C-alpha atoms as a PDB file:
ATOM      1  CA  MET A   1     -36.086 -24.641 -37.187  1.00  0.00           C
ATOM      2  CA  CYS A   2     -36.470 -23.712 -33.520  1.00  0.00           C
ATOM      3  CA  GLU A   3     -34.293 -26.635 -32.438  1.00  0.00           C
ATOM      4  CA  GLU A   4     -31.647 -25.751 -34.989  1.00  0.00           C
ATOM      5  CA  LEU A   5     -31.626 -22.154 -33.702  1.00  0.00           C
ATOM      6  CA  LYS A   6     -31.321 -23.461 -30.148  1.00  0.00           C
ATOM      7  CA  GLU A   7     -28.333 -25.604 -31.137  1.00  0.00           C
ATOM      8  CA  LEU A   8     -26.660 -22.671 -32.985  1.00  0.00           C
ATOM      9  CA  LEU A   9     -27.170 -20.303 -30.071  1.00  0.00           C
ATOM     10  CA  ALA A  10     -26.201 -22.758 -27.305  1.00  0.00           C
ATOM     11  CA  PRO A  11     -22.539 -21.840 -27.108  1.00  0.00           C
ATOM     12  CA  GLU A  12     -23.267 -18.185 -27.024  1.00  0.00           C
ATOM     13  CA  ILE A  13     -25.898 -18.728 -24.335  1.00  0.00           C
ATOM     14  CA  VAL A  14     -23.379 -20.698 -22.255  1.00  0.00           C
ATOM     15  CA  GLU A  15     -20.711 -18.034 -22.734  1.00  0.00           C
ATOM     16  CA  PHE A  16     -23.209 -15.327 -21.751  1.00  0.00           C
ATOM     17  CA  LYS A  17     -24.202 -17.191 -18.675  1.00  0.00           C
ATOM     18  CA  ILE A  18     -20.489 -17.639 -17.682  1.00  0.00           C
ATOM     19  CA  ARG A  19     -19.782 -13.899 -18.124  1.00  0.00           C
ATOM     20  CA  LEU A  20     -22.956 -13.055 -16.121  1.00  0.00           C
ATOM     21  CA  ALA A  21     -21.706 -15.348 -13.357  1.00  0.00           C
ATOM     22  CA  GLU A  22     -18.282 -13.649 -13.372  1.00  0.00           C
ATOM     23  CA  GLN A  23     -19.882 -10.207 -13.151  1.00  0.00           C
ATOM     24  CA  ASN A  24     -22.042 -11.350 -10.279  1.00  0.00           C
ATOM     25  CA  ALA A  25     -18.980 -12.577  -8.474  1.00  0.00           C
ATOM     26  CA  LYS A  26     -17.137  -9.280  -8.958  1.00  0.00           C
ATOM     27  CA  LEU A  27     -20.191  -7.424  -7.712  1.00  0.00           C
ATOM     28  CA  ALA A  28     -20.420  -9.587  -4.663  1.00  0.00           C
ATOM     29  CA  ASP A  29     -16.782  -8.986  -3.952  1.00  0.00           C
ATOM     30  CA  LYS A  30     -17.291  -5.207  -4.271  1.00  0.00           C
ATOM     31  CA  ASP A  31     -20.277  -5.492  -2.012  1.00  0.00           C
ATOM     32  CA  ALA A  32     -18.246  -7.273   0.571  1.00  0.00           C
ATOM     33  CA  LYS A  33     -15.493  -4.704   0.469  1.00  0.00           C
ATOM     34  CA  LEU A  34     -17.982  -1.854   0.868  1.00  0.00           C
ATOM     35  CA  ALA A  35     -19.595  -3.647   3.797  1.00  0.00           C
ATOM     36  CA  ASP A  36     -16.152  -3.952   5.373  1.00  0.00           C
ATOM     37  CA  LYS A  37     -15.558  -0.204   4.796  1.00  0.00           C
ATOM     38  CA  ASP A  38     -18.903   0.580   6.326  1.00  0.00           C
ATOM     39  CA  ALA A  39     -18.132  -1.470   9.389  1.00  0.00           C
ATOM     40  CA  LYS A  40     -14.777   0.286   9.825  1.00  0.00           C
ATOM     41  CA  LEU A  41     -16.495   3.687   9.525  1.00  0.00           C
ATOM     42  CA  ALA A  42     -19.073   2.576  12.130  1.00  0.00           C
ATOM     43  CA  ASP A  43     -16.262   1.699  14.445  1.00  0.00           C
ATOM     44  CA  LYS A  44     -14.653   5.018  13.934  1.00  0.00           C
ATOM     45  CA  ASP A  45     -18.029   6.750  14.604  1.00  0.00           C
ATOM     46  CA  ALA A  46     -18.407   4.785  17.780  1.00  0.00           C
ATOM     47  CA  LYS A  47     -14.873   5.777  18.971  1.00  0.00           C
ATOM     48  CA  LEU A  48     -15.613   9.470  18.117  1.00  0.00           C
ATOM     49  CA  ALA A  49     -18.882   9.241  20.164  1.00  0.00           C
ATOM     50  CA  ASP A  50     -17.012   7.694  23.067  1.00  0.00           C
ATOM     51  CA  ASN A  51     -14.376  10.460  22.900  1.00  0.00           C
ATOM     52  CA  ALA A  52     -17.111  13.146  22.793  1.00  0.00           C
ATOM     53  CA  ALA A  53     -18.748  11.624  25.802  1.00  0.00           C
ATOM     54  CA  GLU A  54     -15.522  11.440  27.681  1.00  0.00           C
ATOM     55  CA  ILE A  55     -14.790  15.074  26.922  1.00  0.00           C
ATOM     56  CA  ALA A  56     -18.315  16.093  28.090  1.00  0.00           C
ATOM     57  CA  LYS A  57     -17.735  14.071  31.269  1.00  0.00           C
ATOM     58  CA  LEU A  58     -14.388  15.846  31.891  1.00  0.00           C
ATOM     59  CA  LYS A  59     -15.823  19.217  31.224  1.00  0.00           C
ATOM     60  CA  LYS A  60     -18.589  18.502  33.741  1.00  0.00           C
ATOM     61  CA  LEU A  61     -16.061  17.492  36.352  1.00  0.00           C
ATOM     62  CA  LEU A  62     -14.082  20.682  35.653  1.00  0.00           C
ATOM     63  CA  ALA A  63     -17.210  22.811  35.971  1.00  0.00           C
ATOM     64  CA  GLU A  64     -18.177  21.090  39.199  1.00  0.00           C
ATOM     65  CA  ALA A  65     -14.752  21.811  40.517  1.00  0.00           C
ATOM     66  CA  GLY A  66     -15.095  25.462  39.523  1.00  0.00           C
ATOM     67  CA  ILE A  67     -12.370  25.356  36.990  1.00  0.00           C
ATOM     68  CA  LYS A  68     -13.060  27.148  33.723  1.00  0.00           C
ATOM     69  CA  GLU A  69     -11.957  25.748  30.410  1.00  0.00           C
END
């Protein structure tokens, strides 16, 4: 009985495993896209930090020269 049941369910099990693998591949693709977006946002954050540092440096130079903003 158990062997017969395994034989009957084998195609469904294979189909389920295939669908599961496809879903895993889609999730991995989404994860990769999110990681790419995260990296781009980190680059933008770094650029903003660089700009803020440059502005602070320029303000300091202006203050040292006695020039008000």
